[in-house]
Amino acid sequence: MDSVCRGIDRGGVVASHSTQACNISTHRPIPTPLRRARYDQTGHRKPATSPKRERARELRSEMTPAEIHLWEHLRRRQRLNLKFRRQHCVAGFWLDFYCHERRLAIEVDGPVHQDQEEYDAARTVILTGLGITVVRFTNEQVLNETVAVLARIEVVAGLPGSGRASRKT
């Protein structure tokens, strides 16, 4: 008794035929129900977009001027030779900047954070319990004292030569 092979041929048509006549290179298997959402109608992979990924994209497009300014110094390992992610979610909390290598979170606090000091403190306790060091700066510190902010990040990250942020002009 021949078993039946079901797959999607190169034209996107579902093909059913006996396994004897099956040429694996001519079609892709039909995705399983658990994976069906990752494929379009022709069987090609769709990019994964989760609610968290969408929210991160939204937060990155709504960064404050201070966050943008600090990101220009942290991105692409250019100042401290550390890889930072922006608007990264850890334990359900959105961190402004996060370095996984050093388990370091950097928060830039604007006026909104003055009303939620208790929430921020509880959040810091939870993140610290996960082994993440949280460093907070105000918008004014980031915009007006950038060299000192970078030096503080360097010290907290435990980098060699800590205390003086490398300067690029």
Protein backbone atom coordinates (compact mmCIF):
# COMPACT_ATOMS: atom_id res chain seq x y z
CA MET A 1 0.00 0.00 0.00
CA ASP A 2 1.43 3.32 -1.09
CA SER A 3 1.34 6.16 1.36
CA VAL A 4 0.40 9.63 0.15
CA CYS A 5 2.77 12.58 0.13
CA ARG A 6 1.26 16.03 0.49
CA GLY A 7 3.29 19.12 -0.14
CA ILE A 8 3.35 22.49 -1.82
CA ASP A 9 4.97 22.58 -5.24
CA ARG A 10 7.04 25.52 -6.46
CA GLY A 11 3.97 27.20 -7.92
CA GLY A 12 2.28 27.24 -4.53
CA VAL A 13 -0.19 24.49 -5.41
CA VAL A 14 -0.92 21.70 -2.92
CA ALA A 15 0.19 18.44 -4.46
CA SER A 16 -0.92 14.94 -3.41
CA HIS A 17 0.74 11.91 -4.91
CA SER A 18 2.19 8.58 -3.92
CA THR A 19 5.49 8.58 -2.08
CA GLN A 20 6.98 6.44 -4.87
CA ALA A 21 6.53 9.31 -7.33
CA CYS A 22 7.64 11.93 -4.80
CA ASN A 23 10.68 14.00 -5.61
CA ILE A 24 11.46 15.92 -2.44
CA SER A 25 13.26 18.67 -4.34
CA THR A 26 10.12 19.63 -6.26
CA HIS A 27 8.02 20.78 -3.31
CA ARG A 28 8.10 21.92 0.29
CA PRO A 29 6.12 20.07 2.96
CA ILE A 30 2.91 21.69 4.15
CA PRO A 31 3.63 23.51 7.39
CA THR A 32 2.26 21.90 10.51
CA PRO A 33 -0.65 23.70 12.22
CA LEU A 34 1.67 25.00 14.95
CA ARG A 35 3.91 26.59 12.36
CA ARG A 36 1.27 27.60 9.83
CA ALA A 37 1.24 31.21 11.03
CA ARG A 38 4.91 31.59 10.05
CA TYR A 39 4.26 30.82 6.38
CA ASP A 40 2.32 32.67 3.73
CA GLN A 41 -0.05 30.99 1.26
CA THR A 42 2.78 29.90 -1.02
CA GLY A 43 4.73 28.29 1.80
CA HIS A 44 7.37 31.00 2.13
CA ARG A 45 8.41 32.08 5.62
CA LYS A 46 6.88 35.27 6.96
CA PRO A 47 8.91 37.45 9.31
CA ALA A 48 7.95 36.84 12.92
CA THR A 49 6.23 39.81 14.53
CA SER A 50 5.19 39.41 18.10
CA PRO A 51 3.40 41.99 20.24
CA LYS A 52 6.65 42.61 22.13
CA ARG A 53 8.57 43.20 18.93
CA GLU A 54 5.88 45.59 17.71
CA ARG A 55 5.92 47.46 21.04
CA ALA A 56 9.72 47.73 20.96
CA ARG A 57 9.53 49.15 17.44
CA GLU A 58 6.94 51.66 18.62
CA LEU A 59 9.03 52.71 21.64
CA ARG A 60 12.15 53.12 19.50
CA SER A 61 10.27 55.50 17.21
CA GLU A 62 9.09 57.57 20.21
CA MET A 63 12.42 58.11 21.97
CA THR A 64 12.96 61.34 23.89
CA PRO A 65 15.68 63.79 22.78
CA ALA A 66 17.82 62.69 25.75
CA GLU A 67 17.45 59.00 24.81
CA ILE A 68 18.34 59.79 21.20
CA HIS A 69 21.40 61.74 22.33
CA LEU A 70 22.64 58.93 24.60
CA TRP A 71 21.91 56.29 21.93
CA GLU A 72 24.19 58.14 19.52
CA HIS A 73 27.02 57.56 22.00
CA LEU A 74 26.18 53.96 22.90
CA ARG A 75 25.28 52.46 19.53
CA ARG A 76 27.59 50.26 17.50
CA ARG A 77 30.12 49.79 20.33
CA GLN A 78 31.61 53.14 19.38
CA ARG A 79 32.39 54.63 22.79
CA LEU A 80 32.57 51.95 25.44
CA ASN A 81 32.95 48.90 23.17
CA LEU A 82 29.78 47.44 24.66
CA LYS A 83 26.77 46.30 22.64
CA PHE A 84 23.63 48.02 23.88
CA ARG A 85 20.07 47.25 22.85
CA ARG A 86 17.50 50.02 23.03
CA GLN A 87 13.95 49.55 24.33
CA HIS A 88 14.68 45.98 25.36
CA CYS A 89 12.17 43.93 27.37
CA VAL A 90 13.45 42.01 30.41
CA ALA A 91 11.06 40.27 32.83
CA GLY A 92 8.17 42.26 31.36
CA PHE A 93 9.90 45.62 31.92
CA TRP A 94 10.96 47.86 29.06
CA LEU A 95 14.52 49.09 29.56
CA ASP A 96 15.73 52.19 27.72
CA PHE A 97 19.15 50.62 27.07
CA TYR A 98 20.44 47.17 27.97
CA CYS A 99 23.86 45.55 27.67
CA HIS A 100 23.48 41.78 27.95
CA GLU A 101 27.24 41.20 28.11
CA ARG A 102 27.50 43.21 31.38
CA ARG A 103 23.86 42.72 32.50
CA LEU A 104 23.58 46.49 32.68
CA ALA A 105 20.38 48.52 32.25
CA ILE A 106 20.46 52.26 31.68
CA GLU A 107 17.32 54.28 32.32
CA VAL A 108 16.87 57.88 31.20
CA ASP A 109 14.23 59.42 33.43
CA GLY A 110 12.11 62.32 32.29
CA PRO A 111 9.34 64.20 34.09
CA VAL A 112 7.03 61.15 33.94
CA HIS A 113 9.28 59.26 36.34
CA GLN A 114 8.82 61.85 39.11
CA ASP A 115 5.27 60.58 39.58
CA GLN A 116 6.23 56.90 39.62
CA GLU A 117 9.23 56.72 41.94
CA GLU A 118 7.76 53.81 43.94
CA TYR A 119 7.13 51.81 40.76
CA ASP A 120 10.66 52.51 39.51
CA ALA A 121 12.14 51.47 42.87
CA ALA A 122 10.18 48.19 42.90
CA ARG A 123 11.17 47.54 39.30
CA THR A 124 14.84 48.14 40.14
CA VAL A 125 14.61 45.65 43.04
CA ILE A 126 13.18 42.99 40.71
CA LEU A 127 15.81 43.61 38.02
CA THR A 128 18.59 43.58 40.63
CA GLY A 129 17.27 40.23 41.85
CA LEU A 130 17.77 38.96 38.29
CA GLY A 131 21.40 40.06 38.40
CA ILE A 132 20.91 43.21 36.35
CA THR A 133 22.55 46.45 37.44
CA VAL A 134 20.27 49.45 36.87
CA VAL A 135 21.73 52.93 36.42
CA ARG A 136 19.44 55.96 36.21
CA PHE A 137 20.11 59.36 34.71
CA THR A 138 17.82 62.34 34.27
CA ASN A 139 17.20 63.89 30.87
CA GLU A 140 19.14 66.96 31.99
CA GLN A 141 22.20 64.90 32.99
CA VAL A 142 22.26 63.13 29.62
CA LEU A 143 21.88 66.33 27.62
CA ASN A 144 24.15 68.61 29.68
CA GLU A 145 26.74 66.27 31.23
CA THR A 146 27.22 63.60 28.56
CA VAL A 147 30.91 62.96 29.30
CA ALA A 148 30.17 62.43 33.01
CA VAL A 149 27.25 60.10 32.15
CA LEU A 150 29.47 58.01 29.86
CA ALA A 151 32.18 57.91 32.53
CA ARG A 152 29.63 56.70 35.11
CA ILE A 153 28.43 53.96 32.71
CA GLU A 154 32.06 52.94 32.16
CA VAL A 155 32.67 52.69 35.93
CA VAL A 156 29.48 50.70 36.59
CA ALA A 157 30.24 48.36 33.67
CA GLY A 158 33.65 47.69 35.23
CA LEU A 159 35.64 48.52 32.13
CA PRO A 160 39.44 48.93 32.21
CA GLY A 161 40.40 52.58 32.50
CA SER A 162 37.10 53.29 34.21
CA GLY A 163 36.42 56.86 35.07
CA ARG A 164 37.23 58.43 31.77
CA ALA A 165 35.01 57.88 28.77
CA SER A 166 36.93 57.64 25.53
CA ARG A 167 36.41 60.71 23.41
CA LYS A 168 35.75 60.63 19.69
CA THR A 169 35.20 63.80 17.75
